[in-house]
PDB file of N, CA and C in Angstrom:
ATOM      1  N   MET A   1      11.916  62.298 -15.436  1.00  0.00           N
ATOM      2  CA  MET A   1      10.809  61.714 -16.207  1.00  0.00           C
ATOM      3  C   MET A   1      11.219  60.073 -15.865  1.00  0.00           C
ATOM      4  N   SER A   2       9.979  59.422 -15.780  1.00  0.00           N
ATOM      5  CA  SER A   2       9.844  57.953 -15.524  1.00  0.00           C
ATOM      6  C   SER A   2       9.843  56.908 -16.690  1.00  0.00           C
ATOM      7  N   MET A   3      10.290  55.713 -16.364  1.00  0.00           N
ATOM      8  CA  MET A   3      10.738  54.983 -17.293  1.00  0.00           C
ATOM      9  C   MET A   3       9.359  54.386 -17.955  1.00  0.00           C
ATOM     10  N   PHE A   4       8.317  54.357 -17.001  1.00  0.00           N
ATOM     11  CA  PHE A   4       6.865  53.779 -17.119  1.00  0.00           C
ATOM     12  C   PHE A   4       5.998  55.104 -16.899  1.00  0.00           C
ATOM     13  N   TYR A   5       5.111  54.981 -18.098  1.00  0.00           N
ATOM     14  CA  TYR A   5       4.061  56.111 -17.737  1.00  0.00           C
ATOM     15  C   TYR A   5       2.889  55.453 -16.880  1.00  0.00           C
ATOM     16  N   ASN A   6       2.627  54.158 -16.953  1.00  0.00           N
ATOM     17  CA  ASN A   6       1.271  53.732 -16.089  1.00  0.00           C
ATOM     18  C   ASN A   6       1.578  52.400 -15.567  1.00  0.00           C
ATOM     19  N   SER A   7       0.689  51.996 -14.736  1.00  0.00           N
ATOM     20  CA  SER A   7       1.109  50.589 -14.248  1.00  0.00           C
ATOM     21  C   SER A   7       0.956  49.210 -15.355  1.00  0.00           C
ATOM     22  N   GLY A   8       0.310  49.713 -16.485  1.00  0.00           N
ATOM     23  CA  GLY A   8       0.224  48.670 -17.378  1.00  0.00           C
ATOM     24  C   GLY A   8       1.473  48.537 -18.139  1.00  0.00           C
ATOM     25  N   GLN A   9       2.130  49.524 -18.428  1.00  0.00           N
ATOM     26  CA  GLN A   9       3.425  49.298 -19.085  1.00  0.00           C
ATOM     27  C   GLN A   9       4.486  48.433 -18.202  1.00  0.00           C
ATOM     28  N   PHE A  10       4.268  48.814 -16.873  1.00  0.00           N
ATOM     29  CA  PHE A  10       5.479  47.985 -15.879  1.00  0.00           C
ATOM     30  C   PHE A  10       4.925  46.706 -15.952  1.00  0.00           C
ATOM     31  N   ALA A  11       3.452  46.380 -15.811  1.00  0.00           N
ATOM     32  CA  ALA A  11       3.216  44.983 -15.926  1.00  0.00           C
ATOM     33  C   ALA A  11       3.624  44.048 -17.105  1.00  0.00           C
ATOM     34  N   ASP A  12       3.518  44.720 -18.091  1.00  0.00           N
ATOM     35  CA  ASP A  12       3.926  44.161 -19.414  1.00  0.00           C
ATOM     36  C   ASP A  12       5.391  44.201 -19.336  1.00  0.00           C
ATOM     37  N   PHE A  13       6.311  45.113 -18.980  1.00  0.00           N
ATOM     38  CA  PHE A  13       7.690  45.087 -18.893  1.00  0.00           C
ATOM     39  C   PHE A  13       7.943  43.861 -17.928  1.00  0.00           C
ATOM     40  N   LEU A  14       7.804  43.817 -16.683  1.00  0.00           N
ATOM     41  CA  LEU A  14       7.898  42.540 -15.797  1.00  0.00           C
ATOM     42  C   LEU A  14       7.456  41.356 -16.305  1.00  0.00           C
ATOM     43  N   LYS A  15       6.240  40.938 -16.976  1.00  0.00           N
ATOM     44  CA  LYS A  15       5.830  39.751 -17.573  1.00  0.00           C
ATOM     45  C   LYS A  15       7.074  39.520 -18.430  1.00  0.00           C
ATOM     46  N   THR A  16       7.536  40.508 -19.574  1.00  0.00           N
ATOM     47  CA  THR A  16       8.444  39.932 -20.789  1.00  0.00           C
ATOM     48  C   THR A  16       9.826  39.505 -19.531  1.00  0.00           C
ATOM     49  N   GLU A  17      10.354  40.322 -18.662  1.00  0.00           N
ATOM     50  CA  GLU A  17      11.502  39.881 -18.003  1.00  0.00           C
ATOM     51  C   GLU A  17      11.380  38.670 -17.256  1.00  0.00           C
ATOM     52  N   VAL A  18      10.328  38.423 -16.667  1.00  0.00           N
ATOM     53  CA  VAL A  18      10.246  36.968 -16.027  1.00  0.00           C
ATOM     54  C   VAL A  18      10.191  36.114 -17.165  1.00  0.00           C
ATOM     55  N   LYS A  19       9.452  36.000 -18.132  1.00  0.00           N
ATOM     56  CA  LYS A  19       9.443  35.133 -19.197  1.00  0.00           C
ATOM     57  C   LYS A  19      10.653  34.763 -19.599  1.00  0.00           C
ATOM     58  N   ALA A  20      11.581  35.706 -19.941  1.00  0.00           N
ATOM     59  CA  ALA A  20      12.954  35.548 -20.295  1.00  0.00           C
ATOM     60  C   ALA A  20      13.958  35.132 -19.484  1.00  0.00           C
ATOM     61  N   ALA A  21      13.885  35.356 -17.980  1.00  0.00           N
ATOM     62  CA  ALA A  21      14.545  34.558 -17.127  1.00  0.00           C
ATOM     63  C   ALA A  21      14.120  33.178 -17.092  1.00  0.00           C
ATOM     64  N   ILE A  22      12.996  32.957 -17.075  1.00  0.00           N
ATOM     65  CA  ILE A  22      12.362  31.552 -17.054  1.00  0.00           C
ATOM     66  C   ILE A  22      13.105  30.820 -18.092  1.00  0.00           C
ATOM     67  N   LYS A  23      12.863  31.195 -19.291  1.00  0.00           N
ATOM     68  CA  LYS A  23      13.607  30.557 -20.728  1.00  0.00           C
ATOM     69  C   LYS A  23      14.760  30.456 -20.350  1.00  0.00           C
ATOM     70  N   GLU A  24      15.670  31.475 -19.791  1.00  0.00           N
ATOM     71  CA  GLU A  24      17.274  31.054 -19.754  1.00  0.00           C
ATOM     72  C   GLU A  24      17.349  30.129 -18.525  1.00  0.00           C
ATOM     73  N   PHE A  25      16.705  30.234 -17.520  1.00  0.00           N
ATOM     74  CA  PHE A  25      16.793  29.046 -16.406  1.00  0.00           C
ATOM     75  C   PHE A  25      16.781  28.001 -16.971  1.00  0.00           C
ATOM     76  N   PHE A  26      15.638  27.540 -17.659  1.00  0.00           N
ATOM     77  CA  PHE A  26      15.355  26.286 -18.283  1.00  0.00           C
ATOM     78  C   PHE A  26      16.488  25.923 -19.496  1.00  0.00           C
ATOM     79  N   ALA A  27      16.843  26.795 -20.134  1.00  0.00           N
ATOM     80  CA  ALA A  27      17.879  26.199 -21.161  1.00  0.00           C
ATOM     81  C   ALA A  27      19.133  25.915 -20.594  1.00  0.00           C
ATOM     82  N   GLU A  28      19.496  26.730 -19.429  1.00  0.00           N
ATOM     83  CA  GLU A  28      20.870  26.215 -18.796  1.00  0.00           C
ATOM     84  C   GLU A  28      20.554  24.932 -17.807  1.00  0.00           C
ATOM     85  N   LYS A  29      19.491  24.887 -17.178  1.00  0.00           N
ATOM     86  CA  LYS A  29      19.288  23.878 -15.948  1.00  0.00           C
ATOM     87  C   LYS A  29      18.217  23.208 -16.255  1.00  0.00           C
ATOM     88  N   GLY A  30      17.488  23.207 -17.384  1.00  0.00           N
ATOM     89  CA  GLY A  30      16.328  22.451 -17.441  1.00  0.00           C
ATOM     90  C   GLY A  30      16.423  20.747 -17.340  1.00  0.00           C
ATOM     91  N   SER A  31      17.195  20.534 -18.275  1.00  0.00           N
ATOM     92  CA  SER A  31      17.367  18.900 -18.341  1.00  0.00           C
ATOM     93  C   SER A  31      17.858  18.443 -17.159  1.00  0.00           C
ATOM     94  N   SER A  32      18.636  18.936 -16.446  1.00  0.00           N
ATOM     95  CA  SER A  32      19.152  18.470 -15.210  1.00  0.00           C
ATOM     96  C   SER A  32      18.265  18.523 -13.955  1.00  0.00           C
ATOM     97  N   LEU A  33      17.220  19.366 -13.756  1.00  0.00           N
ATOM     98  CA  LEU A  33      16.332  19.373 -12.882  1.00  0.00           C
ATOM     99  C   LEU A  33      15.626  17.880 -12.981  1.00  0.00           C
ATOM    100  N   PHE A  34      15.483  17.149 -14.083  1.00  0.00           N
ATOM    101  CA  PHE A  34      14.789  16.123 -14.076  1.00  0.00           C
ATOM    102  C   PHE A  34      15.621  14.640 -13.895  1.00  0.00           C
ATOM    103  N   SER A  35      16.829  15.240 -13.667  1.00  0.00           N
ATOM    104  CA  SER A  35      17.880  14.008 -13.755  1.00  0.00           C
ATOM    105  C   SER A  35      17.745  13.052 -12.394  1.00  0.00           C
ATOM    106  N   THR A  36      17.850  11.644 -12.780  1.00  0.00           N
ATOM    107  CA  THR A  36      17.664  10.673 -11.432  1.00  0.00           C
ATOM    108  C   THR A  36      18.996  10.445 -11.016  1.00  0.00           C
ATOM    109  N   LYS A  37      20.206  11.324 -11.265  1.00  0.00           N
ATOM    110  CA  LYS A  37      21.481  10.603 -10.743  1.00  0.00           C
ATOM    111  C   LYS A  37      21.600  10.817  -9.437  1.00  0.00           C
ATOM    112  N   SER A  38      21.078  11.669  -8.665  1.00  0.00           N
ATOM    113  CA  SER A  38      21.125  11.790  -7.406  1.00  0.00           C
ATOM    114  C   SER A  38      20.256  10.853  -6.635  1.00  0.00           C
ATOM    115  N   LEU A  39      19.448  10.354  -6.951  1.00  0.00           N
ATOM    116  CA  LEU A  39      18.455   9.518  -6.437  1.00  0.00           C
ATOM    117  C   LEU A  39      18.785   7.908  -6.219  1.00  0.00           C
ATOM    118  N   PRO A  40      18.404   7.324  -5.156  1.00  0.00           N
ATOM    119  CA  PRO A  40      19.108   6.160  -5.384  1.00  0.00           C
ATOM    120  C   PRO A  40      18.593   5.175  -6.718  1.00  0.00           C
ATOM    121  N   ASP A  41      19.143   3.960  -6.883  1.00  0.00           N
ATOM    122  CA  ASP A  41      18.814   3.211  -7.844  1.00  0.00           C
ATOM    123  C   ASP A  41      17.349   2.794  -7.849  1.00  0.00           C
ATOM    124  N   HIS A  42      16.532   3.230  -8.865  1.00  0.00           N
ATOM    125  CA  HIS A  42      15.336   3.241  -8.799  1.00  0.00           C
ATOM    126  C   HIS A  42      14.619   1.541  -9.135  1.00  0.00           C
ATOM    127  N   SER A  43      15.460   0.613  -9.636  1.00  0.00           N
ATOM    128  CA  SER A  43      15.397  -0.402 -10.084  1.00  0.00           C
ATOM    129  C   SER A  43      15.186  -1.543  -8.683  1.00  0.00           C
ATOM    130  N   ARG A  44      15.642  -0.848  -7.631  1.00  0.00           N
ATOM    131  CA  ARG A  44      15.781  -1.333  -6.136  1.00  0.00           C
ATOM    132  C   ARG A  44      14.508  -1.052  -5.443  1.00  0.00           C
ATOM    133  N   TYR A  45      14.117   0.064  -5.930  1.00  0.00           N
ATOM    134  CA  TYR A  45      12.669   0.696  -5.292  1.00  0.00           C
ATOM    135  C   TYR A  45      11.545   0.453  -6.263  1.00  0.00           C
ATOM    136  N   LEU A  46      10.440  -0.129  -5.785  1.00  0.00           N
ATOM    137  CA  LEU A  46       9.245  -0.366  -6.383  1.00  0.00           C
ATOM    138  C   LEU A  46       8.040   0.716  -5.925  1.00  0.00           C
ATOM    139  N   THR A  47       7.220   0.582  -6.757  1.00  0.00           N
ATOM    140  CA  THR A  47       5.968   1.433  -6.716  1.00  0.00           C
ATOM    141  C   THR A  47       4.838   0.502  -5.798  1.00  0.00           C
ATOM    142  N   ARG A  48       3.902   1.033  -5.486  1.00  0.00           N
ATOM    143  CA  ARG A  48       2.807   0.171  -4.696  1.00  0.00           C
ATOM    144  C   ARG A  48       2.296  -0.833  -5.876  1.00  0.00           C
ATOM    145  N   SER A  49       2.208  -0.398  -6.978  1.00  0.00           N
ATOM    146  CA  SER A  49       1.522  -1.474  -8.071  1.00  0.00           C
ATOM    147  C   SER A  49       2.485  -2.443  -8.542  1.00  0.00           C
ATOM    148  N   GLN A  50       3.898  -1.931  -8.369  1.00  0.00           N
ATOM    149  CA  GLN A  50       4.890  -2.876  -8.831  1.00  0.00           C
ATOM    150  C   GLN A  50       5.030  -3.989  -7.653  1.00  0.00           C
ATOM    151  N   VAL A  51       4.860  -3.570  -6.247  1.00  0.00           N
ATOM    152  CA  VAL A  51       4.966  -4.214  -5.398  1.00  0.00           C
ATOM    153  C   VAL A  51       3.730  -5.591  -5.291  1.00  0.00           C
ATOM    154  N   ALA A  52       2.681  -4.814  -5.794  1.00  0.00           N
ATOM    155  CA  ALA A  52       1.412  -5.879  -5.686  1.00  0.00           C
ATOM    156  C   ALA A  52       1.441  -6.815  -6.798  1.00  0.00           C
ATOM    157  N   THR A  53       2.220  -6.516  -8.060  1.00  0.00           N
ATOM    158  CA  THR A  53       2.222  -7.307  -9.040  1.00  0.00           C
ATOM    159  C   THR A  53       3.530  -8.428  -8.556  1.00  0.00           C
ATOM    160  N   TYR A  54       4.462  -7.997  -8.173  1.00  0.00           N
ATOM    161  CA  TYR A  54       5.493  -8.736  -7.689  1.00  0.00           C
ATOM    162  C   TYR A  54       5.022  -9.735  -6.622  1.00  0.00           C
ATOM    163  N   LEU A  55       4.136  -9.109  -5.599  1.00  0.00           N
ATOM    164  CA  LEU A  55       3.879 -10.462  -4.623  1.00  0.00           C
ATOM    165  C   LEU A  55       2.547 -11.128  -4.830  1.00  0.00           C
ATOM    166  N   GLY A  56       2.020 -10.705  -6.077  1.00  0.00           N
ATOM    167  CA  GLY A  56       0.372 -11.108  -6.595  1.00  0.00           C
ATOM    168  C   GLY A  56      -0.455 -10.798  -5.544  1.00  0.00           C
ATOM    169  N   ILE A  57      -0.521  -9.654  -5.144  1.00  0.00           N
ATOM    170  CA  ILE A  57      -1.570  -9.275  -4.312  1.00  0.00           C
ATOM    171  C   ILE A  57      -2.108  -7.760  -4.784  1.00  0.00           C
ATOM    172  N   ALA A  58      -3.237  -7.271  -4.321  1.00  0.00           N
ATOM    173  CA  ALA A  58      -3.859  -6.269  -4.741  1.00  0.00           C
ATOM    174  C   ALA A  58      -3.117  -5.248  -4.029  1.00  0.00           C
ATOM    175  N   VAL A  59      -3.059  -3.999  -4.794  1.00  0.00           N
ATOM    176  CA  VAL A  59      -2.607  -2.729  -4.491  1.00  0.00           C
ATOM    177  C   VAL A  59      -3.283  -2.153  -2.967  1.00  0.00           C
ATOM    178  N   SER A  60      -4.466  -2.466  -2.805  1.00  0.00           N
ATOM    179  CA  SER A  60      -5.113  -2.012  -1.363  1.00  0.00           C
ATOM    180  C   SER A  60      -4.420  -2.757  -0.449  1.00  0.00           C
ATOM    181  N   THR A  61      -4.081  -4.230  -0.336  1.00  0.00           N
ATOM    182  CA  THR A  61      -3.228  -4.948   0.614  1.00  0.00           C
ATOM    183  C   THR A  61      -1.688  -4.425   0.641  1.00  0.00           C
ATOM    184  N   VAL A  62      -1.175  -3.706  -0.425  1.00  0.00           N
ATOM    185  CA  VAL A  62      -0.044  -3.255  -0.362  1.00  0.00           C
ATOM    186  C   VAL A  62      -0.112  -1.906   0.773  1.00  0.00           C
ATOM    187  N   ASP A  63      -0.838  -1.318   0.430  1.00  0.00           N
ATOM    188  CA  ASP A  63      -1.317  -0.204   1.398  1.00  0.00           C
ATOM    189  C   ASP A  63      -1.398  -0.543   2.644  1.00  0.00           C
ATOM    190  N   TYR A  64      -2.538  -1.676   3.040  1.00  0.00           N
ATOM    191  CA  TYR A  64      -2.792  -2.046   4.407  1.00  0.00           C
ATOM    192  C   TYR A  64      -1.362  -2.479   4.829  1.00  0.00           C
ATOM    193  N   TRP A  65      -0.420  -3.563   4.372  1.00  0.00           N
ATOM    194  CA  TRP A  65       0.405  -3.873   4.796  1.00  0.00           C
ATOM    195  C   TRP A  65       1.460  -2.740   4.988  1.00  0.00           C
ATOM    196  N   ALA A  66       1.425  -1.718   4.173  1.00  0.00           N
ATOM    197  CA  ALA A  66       2.473  -0.538   4.892  1.00  0.00           C
ATOM    198  C   ALA A  66       1.813  -0.073   5.930  1.00  0.00           C
ATOM    199  N   ARG A  67       0.772   0.317   6.247  1.00  0.00           N
ATOM    200  CA  ARG A  67      -0.196   1.005   7.244  1.00  0.00           C
ATOM    201  C   ARG A  67       0.242   0.017   8.562  1.00  0.00           C
ATOM    202  N   ILE A  68       0.245  -1.188   8.527  1.00  0.00           N
ATOM    203  CA  ILE A  68       0.410  -2.002   9.657  1.00  0.00           C
ATOM    204  C   ILE A  68       1.913  -2.215   9.949  1.00  0.00           C
ATOM    205  N   GLY A  69       2.635  -1.851   9.099  1.00  0.00           N
ATOM    206  CA  GLY A  69       3.970  -2.120   9.418  1.00  0.00           C
ATOM    207  C   GLY A  69       4.694  -3.402   8.632  1.00  0.00           C
ATOM    208  N   LYS A  70       4.049  -4.026   7.993  1.00  0.00           N
ATOM    209  CA  LYS A  70       4.244  -5.486   7.335  1.00  0.00           C
ATOM    210  C   LYS A  70       5.552  -5.162   6.415  1.00  0.00           C
ATOM    211  N   LEU A  71       5.147  -4.085   5.649  1.00  0.00           N
ATOM    212  CA  LEU A  71       5.970  -3.419   4.516  1.00  0.00           C
ATOM    213  C   LEU A  71       6.414  -2.022   5.108  1.00  0.00           C
ATOM    214  N   ASN A  72       7.730  -1.913   4.459  1.00  0.00           N
ATOM    215  CA  ASN A  72       8.427  -0.567   5.053  1.00  0.00           C
ATOM    216  C   ASN A  72       8.403   0.496   3.790  1.00  0.00           C
ATOM    217  N   LYS A  73       7.534   1.403   4.013  1.00  0.00           N
ATOM    218  CA  LYS A  73       7.371   2.641   2.834  1.00  0.00           C
ATOM    219  C   LYS A  73       8.499   3.377   2.880  1.00  0.00           C
ATOM    220  N   ILE A  74       9.106   3.829   1.791  1.00  0.00           N
ATOM    221  CA  ILE A  74      10.252   4.818   1.827  1.00  0.00           C
ATOM    222  C   ILE A  74       9.811   6.034   1.010  1.00  0.00           C
ATOM    223  N   ASP A  75       9.744   7.243   1.301  1.00  0.00           N
ATOM    224  CA  ASP A  75       9.317   8.352   0.610  1.00  0.00           C
ATOM    225  C   ASP A  75      10.801   8.950  -0.333  1.00  0.00           C
ATOM    226  N   LEU A  76      10.691   8.735  -1.523  1.00  0.00           N
ATOM    227  CA  LEU A  76      11.531   9.237  -2.413  1.00  0.00           C
ATOM    228  C   LEU A  76      11.063  10.320  -3.489  1.00  0.00           C
ATOM    229  N   SER A  77      11.629  11.476  -3.138  1.00  0.00           N
ATOM    230  CA  SER A  77      10.944  12.305  -3.819  1.00  0.00           C
ATOM    231  C   SER A  77       9.439  12.656  -3.653  1.00  0.00           C
ATOM    232  N   GLY A  78       8.900  12.392  -2.755  1.00  0.00           N
ATOM    233  CA  GLY A  78       7.609  12.697  -2.536  1.00  0.00           C
ATOM    234  C   GLY A  78       6.613  11.619  -3.291  1.00  0.00           C
ATOM    235  N   SER A  79       7.211  10.575  -3.469  1.00  0.00           N
ATOM    236  CA  SER A  79       6.607   9.382  -3.999  1.00  0.00           C
ATOM    237  C   SER A  79       6.755   8.067  -2.889  1.00  0.00           C
ATOM    238  N   PRO A  80       5.767   7.310  -2.457  1.00  0.00           N
ATOM    239  CA  PRO A  80       6.004   6.135  -1.870  1.00  0.00           C
ATOM    240  C   PRO A  80       6.733   5.159  -2.502  1.00  0.00           C
ATOM    241  N   ARG A  81       7.754   4.586  -1.890  1.00  0.00           N
ATOM    242  CA  ARG A  81       8.648   3.263  -2.669  1.00  0.00           C
ATOM    243  C   ARG A  81       8.641   2.292  -1.628  1.00  0.00           C
ATOM    244  N   PHE A  82       9.005   0.981  -2.178  1.00  0.00           N
ATOM    245  CA  PHE A  82       9.426   0.022  -1.159  1.00  0.00           C
ATOM    246  C   PHE A  82      10.621  -0.705  -1.694  1.00  0.00           C
ATOM    247  N   ASP A  83      11.463  -0.968  -0.847  1.00  0.00           N
ATOM    248  CA  ASP A  83      12.819  -1.722  -1.152  1.00  0.00           C
ATOM    249  C   ASP A  83      12.772  -3.026  -1.442  1.00  0.00           C
ATOM    250  N   LYS A  84      12.975  -3.426  -2.701  1.00  0.00           N
ATOM    251  CA  LYS A  84      12.847  -4.694  -3.075  1.00  0.00           C
ATOM    252  C   LYS A  84      13.661  -5.614  -2.487  1.00  0.00           C
ATOM    253  N   SER A  85      14.952  -5.423  -2.009  1.00  0.00           N
ATOM    254  CA  SER A  85      15.956  -6.208  -1.320  1.00  0.00           C
ATOM    255  C   SER A  85      15.427  -6.450   0.042  1.00  0.00           C
ATOM    256  N   GLU A  86      14.510  -5.531   0.483  1.00  0.00           N
ATOM    257  CA  GLU A  86      14.135  -5.703   1.927  1.00  0.00           C
ATOM    258  C   GLU A  86      12.775  -6.885   1.765  1.00  0.00           C
ATOM    259  N   ILE A  87      12.121  -6.627   0.564  1.00  0.00           N
ATOM    260  CA  ILE A  87      10.757  -7.552   0.198  1.00  0.00           C
ATOM    261  C   ILE A  87      11.273  -8.815   0.073  1.00  0.00           C
ATOM    262  N   ASP A  88      12.456  -9.242  -0.623  1.00  0.00           N
ATOM    263  CA  ASP A  88      13.094 -10.479  -0.984  1.00  0.00           C
ATOM    264  C   ASP A  88      13.464 -10.930   0.333  1.00  0.00           C
ATOM    265  N   ALA A  89      14.087 -10.397   1.168  1.00  0.00           N
ATOM    266  CA  ALA A  89      14.823 -10.884   2.379  1.00  0.00           C
ATOM    267  C   ALA A  89      13.414 -11.412   3.452  1.00  0.00           C
ATOM    268  N   ASN A  90      12.341 -10.700   2.869  1.00  0.00           N
ATOM    269  CA  ASN A  90      11.084 -11.222   4.221  1.00  0.00           C
ATOM    270  C   ASN A  90      10.038 -11.952   3.214  1.00  0.00           C
ATOM    271  N   ILE A  91      10.290 -12.290   2.342  1.00  0.00           N
ATOM    272  CA  ILE A  91       9.188 -12.880   1.327  1.00  0.00           C
ATOM    273  C   ILE A  91       8.397 -13.683   2.011  1.00  0.00           C
ATOM    274  N   ASN A  92       8.922 -14.357   2.884  1.00  0.00           N
ATOM    275  CA  ASN A  92       8.024 -15.668   3.590  1.00  0.00           C
ATOM    276  C   ASN A  92       7.077 -15.000   4.405  1.00  0.00           C
ATOM    277  N   THR A  93       7.130 -13.830   5.088  1.00  0.00           N
ATOM    278  CA  THR A  93       6.200 -13.364   5.665  1.00  0.00           C
ATOM    279  C   THR A  93       5.219 -12.749   5.402  1.00  0.00           C
ATOM    280  N   PHE A  94       5.162 -12.471   3.564  1.00  0.00           N
ATOM    281  CA  PHE A  94       4.282 -11.830   2.970  1.00  0.00           C
ATOM    282  C   PHE A  94       3.165 -12.704   2.494  1.00  0.00           C
ATOM    283  N   ARG A  95       3.209 -13.974   2.829  1.00  0.00           N
ATOM    284  CA  ARG A  95       2.089 -14.854   2.206  1.00  0.00           C
ATOM    285  C   ARG A  95       0.889 -14.313   2.869  1.00  0.00           C
ATOM    286  N   LYS A  96      -0.185 -14.086   2.015  1.00  0.00           N
ATOM    287  CA  LYS A  96      -1.513 -13.730   2.150  1.00  0.00           C
ATOM    288  C   LYS A  96      -2.085 -14.908   3.047  1.00  0.00           C
ATOM    289  N   TYR A  97      -2.164 -16.049   2.829  1.00  0.00           N
ATOM    290  CA  TYR A  97      -2.569 -17.099   3.476  1.00  0.00           C
ATOM    291  C   TYR A  97      -2.028 -18.329   3.483  1.00  0.00           C
ATOM    292  N   ASN A  98      -1.846 -18.938   4.753  1.00  0.00           N
ATOM    293  CA  ASN A  98      -0.904 -20.309   4.805  1.00  0.00           C
ATOM    294  C   ASN A  98      -1.953 -21.017   4.479  1.00  0.00           C
ATOM    295  N   ARG A  99      -1.710 -21.644   3.346  1.00  0.00           N
ATOM    296  CA  ARG A  99      -2.677 -22.841   2.887  1.00  0.00           C
ATOM    297  C   ARG A  99      -2.288 -24.359   3.402  1.00  0.00           C
ATOM    298  N   PRO A 100      -2.869 -25.149   4.079  1.00  0.00           N
ATOM    299  CA  PRO A 100      -2.305 -26.599   4.489  1.00  0.00           C
ATOM    300  C   PRO A 100      -2.062 -27.237   3.363  1.00  0.00           C
ATOM    301  N   ASN A 101      -0.906 -28.002   3.130  1.00  0.00           N
ATOM    302  CA  ASN A 101      -0.371 -29.161   2.026  1.00  0.00           C
ATOM    303  C   ASN A 101      -1.626 -30.381   2.440  1.00  0.00           C
ATOM    304  N   THR A 102      -2.465 -30.352   1.818  1.00  0.00           N
ATOM    305  CA  THR A 102      -3.547 -31.577   1.982  1.00  0.00           C
ATOM    306  C   THR A 102      -3.779 -32.057   0.813  1.00  0.00           C
ATOM    307  N   THR A 103      -4.078 -33.313   0.405  1.00  0.00           N
ATOM    308  CA  THR A 103      -4.584 -33.882  -0.820  1.00  0.00           C
ATOM    309  C   THR A 103      -6.115 -34.242  -0.450  1.00  0.00           C
ATOM    310  N   TYR A 104      -6.793 -34.125  -1.415  1.00  0.00           N
ATOM    311  CA  TYR A 104      -8.155 -34.754  -1.235  1.00  0.00           C
ATOM    312  C   TYR A 104      -8.483 -35.608  -2.347  1.00  0.00           C
ATOM    313  N   SER A 105      -9.081 -36.751  -1.843  1.00  0.00           N
ATOM    314  CA  SER A 105      -9.520 -37.819  -2.453  1.00  0.00           C
ATOM    315  C   SER A 105     -10.910 -37.963  -2.628  1.00  0.00           C
ATOM    316  N   LEU A 106     -11.772 -38.565  -3.503  1.00  0.00           N
ATOM    317  CA  LEU A 106     -12.980 -38.863  -3.673  1.00  0.00           C
ATOM    318  C   LEU A 106     -13.205 -40.204  -3.825  1.00  0.00           C
TER     319      LEU A 106
END
């Protein structure tokens, strides 16, 4: 004699068991899945918008500078980030425009 009489009963049993296994997994490991302890210091790594704000430029300029190699893009957990210490070390090369120091008189 079989434990299941039809495929519908087996599907219901399987669905119940999978749900229970997922609940148990997240009860044990759920909070540690989203822990950032294994990742580098996030205050050191900036997002595109944070870099744009930090340098006073547009996000599209950050993207362009990353594409041409002016900014070094790092992939952290699937997200593009930029090393703030590297930006600070090279801040003089990030000027968008070099404006001359001139005074105008009328």
